[in-house]
Amino acid sequence: MLQGTVKSFDPQTQAAVVLTDARVEYDVPPDAFKSSGLRKLTLGQRVRFRVEGEGDGARVTYVNILTLPDPF
């Protein structure tokens, strides 16, 4: 599993973008949230996520929150 930070989250569509520690962005589709039971993410949260496939076919299939964002 990879780790990264939530770069954006659209609560209306439940789609997100996460940025890995290696500075690679992945789109997170709404079904990745359903598989992990999440309802929302917050900008700056640390997450762990699973990616299946490679290159243009890479797809995030699971997301898990590691930490809450620092409020300061």
C-alpha atoms as a PDB file:
ATOM      1  CA  MET A   1       0.000   0.000   0.000  1.00  0.00           C
ATOM      2  CA  LEU A   2       1.060   3.548  -0.679  1.00  0.00           C
ATOM      3  CA  GLN A   3       0.891   6.511   1.667  1.00  0.00           C
ATOM      4  CA  GLY A   4       0.182  10.108   0.855  1.00  0.00           C
ATOM      5  CA  THR A   5      -1.829  13.230   1.557  1.00  0.00           C
ATOM      6  CA  VAL A   6      -5.315  14.265   0.454  1.00  0.00           C
ATOM      7  CA  LYS A   7      -4.862  17.031  -2.113  1.00  0.00           C
ATOM      8  CA  SER A   8      -8.553  17.564  -2.860  1.00  0.00           C
ATOM      9  CA  PHE A   9     -11.953  16.108  -2.065  1.00  0.00           C
ATOM     10  CA  ASP A  10     -15.332  16.893  -3.631  1.00  0.00           C
ATOM     11  CA  PRO A  11     -18.052  16.010  -1.103  1.00  0.00           C
ATOM     12  CA  GLN A  12     -20.754  16.176  -3.761  1.00  0.00           C
ATOM     13  CA  THR A  13     -19.214  13.528  -6.026  1.00  0.00           C
ATOM     14  CA  GLN A  14     -17.056  11.891  -3.322  1.00  0.00           C
ATOM     15  CA  ALA A  15     -14.087  11.944  -5.684  1.00  0.00           C
ATOM     16  CA  ALA A  16     -10.645  12.841  -4.371  1.00  0.00           C
ATOM     17  CA  VAL A  17      -7.045  13.314  -5.424  1.00  0.00           C
ATOM     18  CA  VAL A  18      -4.211  12.011  -3.261  1.00  0.00           C
ATOM     19  CA  LEU A  19      -0.536  12.881  -3.574  1.00  0.00           C
ATOM     20  CA  THR A  20       2.006  10.213  -2.646  1.00  0.00           C
ATOM     21  CA  ASP A  21       5.152  10.966  -0.718  1.00  0.00           C
ATOM     22  CA  ALA A  22       6.971  10.474  -4.052  1.00  0.00           C
ATOM     23  CA  ARG A  23       4.834  13.342  -5.500  1.00  0.00           C
ATOM     24  CA  VAL A  24       2.652  11.119  -7.739  1.00  0.00           C
ATOM     25  CA  GLU A  25      -1.041  12.044  -7.940  1.00  0.00           C
ATOM     26  CA  TYR A  26      -3.853   9.506  -8.031  1.00  0.00           C
ATOM     27  CA  ASP A  27      -7.549  10.110  -8.567  1.00  0.00           C
ATOM     28  CA  VAL A  28      -9.661   8.339  -5.981  1.00  0.00           C
ATOM     29  CA  PRO A  29     -13.069   7.263  -7.316  1.00  0.00           C
ATOM     30  CA  PRO A  30     -16.141   7.126  -5.050  1.00  0.00           C
ATOM     31  CA  ASP A  31     -16.213   3.319  -5.037  1.00  0.00           C
ATOM     32  CA  ALA A  32     -12.792   3.297  -3.285  1.00  0.00           C
ATOM     33  CA  PHE A  33     -14.509   5.007  -0.341  1.00  0.00           C
ATOM     34  CA  LYS A  34     -17.361   2.507  -0.277  1.00  0.00           C
ATOM     35  CA  SER A  35     -14.937  -0.398   0.017  1.00  0.00           C
ATOM     36  CA  SER A  36     -13.337   1.167   3.096  1.00  0.00           C
ATOM     37  CA  GLY A  37     -16.488   2.574   4.712  1.00  0.00           C
ATOM     38  CA  LEU A  38     -15.386   6.220   4.558  1.00  0.00           C
ATOM     39  CA  ARG A  39     -17.819   9.039   3.941  1.00  0.00           C
ATOM     40  CA  LYS A  40     -15.396  11.921   3.411  1.00  0.00           C
ATOM     41  CA  LEU A  41     -11.786  13.007   3.429  1.00  0.00           C
ATOM     42  CA  THR A  42     -10.275  16.282   4.566  1.00  0.00           C
ATOM     43  CA  LEU A  43      -7.604  18.289   2.797  1.00  0.00           C
ATOM     44  CA  GLY A  44      -4.214  17.435   4.303  1.00  0.00           C
ATOM     45  CA  GLN A  45      -5.211  14.102   5.853  1.00  0.00           C
ATOM     46  CA  ARG A  46      -2.602  11.377   5.702  1.00  0.00           C
ATOM     47  CA  VAL A  47      -3.968   8.274   4.021  1.00  0.00           C
ATOM     48  CA  ARG A  48      -2.882   4.805   3.031  1.00  0.00           C
ATOM     49  CA  PHE A  49      -4.294   3.480  -0.226  1.00  0.00           C
ATOM     50  CA  ARG A  50      -4.144   0.534  -2.582  1.00  0.00           C
ATOM     51  CA  VAL A  51      -3.504   0.988  -6.310  1.00  0.00           C
ATOM     52  CA  GLU A  52      -4.228  -1.752  -8.818  1.00  0.00           C
ATOM     53  CA  GLY A  53      -2.801  -1.668 -12.322  1.00  0.00           C
ATOM     54  CA  GLU A  54      -0.049   0.492 -13.767  1.00  0.00           C
ATOM     55  CA  GLY A  55       0.345   3.602 -15.889  1.00  0.00           C
ATOM     56  CA  ASP A  56      -2.887   4.963 -17.357  1.00  0.00           C
ATOM     57  CA  GLY A  57      -4.736   1.898 -16.053  1.00  0.00           C
ATOM     58  CA  ALA A  58      -3.773   2.511 -12.413  1.00  0.00           C
ATOM     59  CA  ARG A  59      -6.805   2.707 -10.151  1.00  0.00           C
ATOM     60  CA  VAL A  60      -7.182   3.377  -6.426  1.00  0.00           C
ATOM     61  CA  THR A  61      -9.347   0.620  -4.956  1.00  0.00           C
ATOM     62  CA  TYR A  62      -9.132   1.266  -1.206  1.00  0.00           C
ATOM     63  CA  VAL A  63      -8.415   4.252   1.063  1.00  0.00           C
ATOM     64  CA  ASN A  64      -7.739   4.289   4.803  1.00  0.00           C
ATOM     65  CA  ILE A  65      -7.143   7.368   6.992  1.00  0.00           C
ATOM     66  CA  LEU A  66      -3.834   7.384   8.876  1.00  0.00           C
ATOM     67  CA  THR A  67      -4.052  10.760  10.648  1.00  0.00           C
ATOM     68  CA  LEU A  68      -6.280  13.771  10.896  1.00  0.00           C
ATOM     69  CA  PRO A  69      -4.907  17.018   9.465  1.00  0.00           C
ATOM     70  CA  ASP A  70      -3.094  19.388  11.809  1.00  0.00           C
ATOM     71  CA  PRO A  71      -5.551  22.183  12.731  1.00  0.00           C
ATOM     72  CA  PHE A  72      -2.758  24.733  13.069  1.00  0.00           C
END
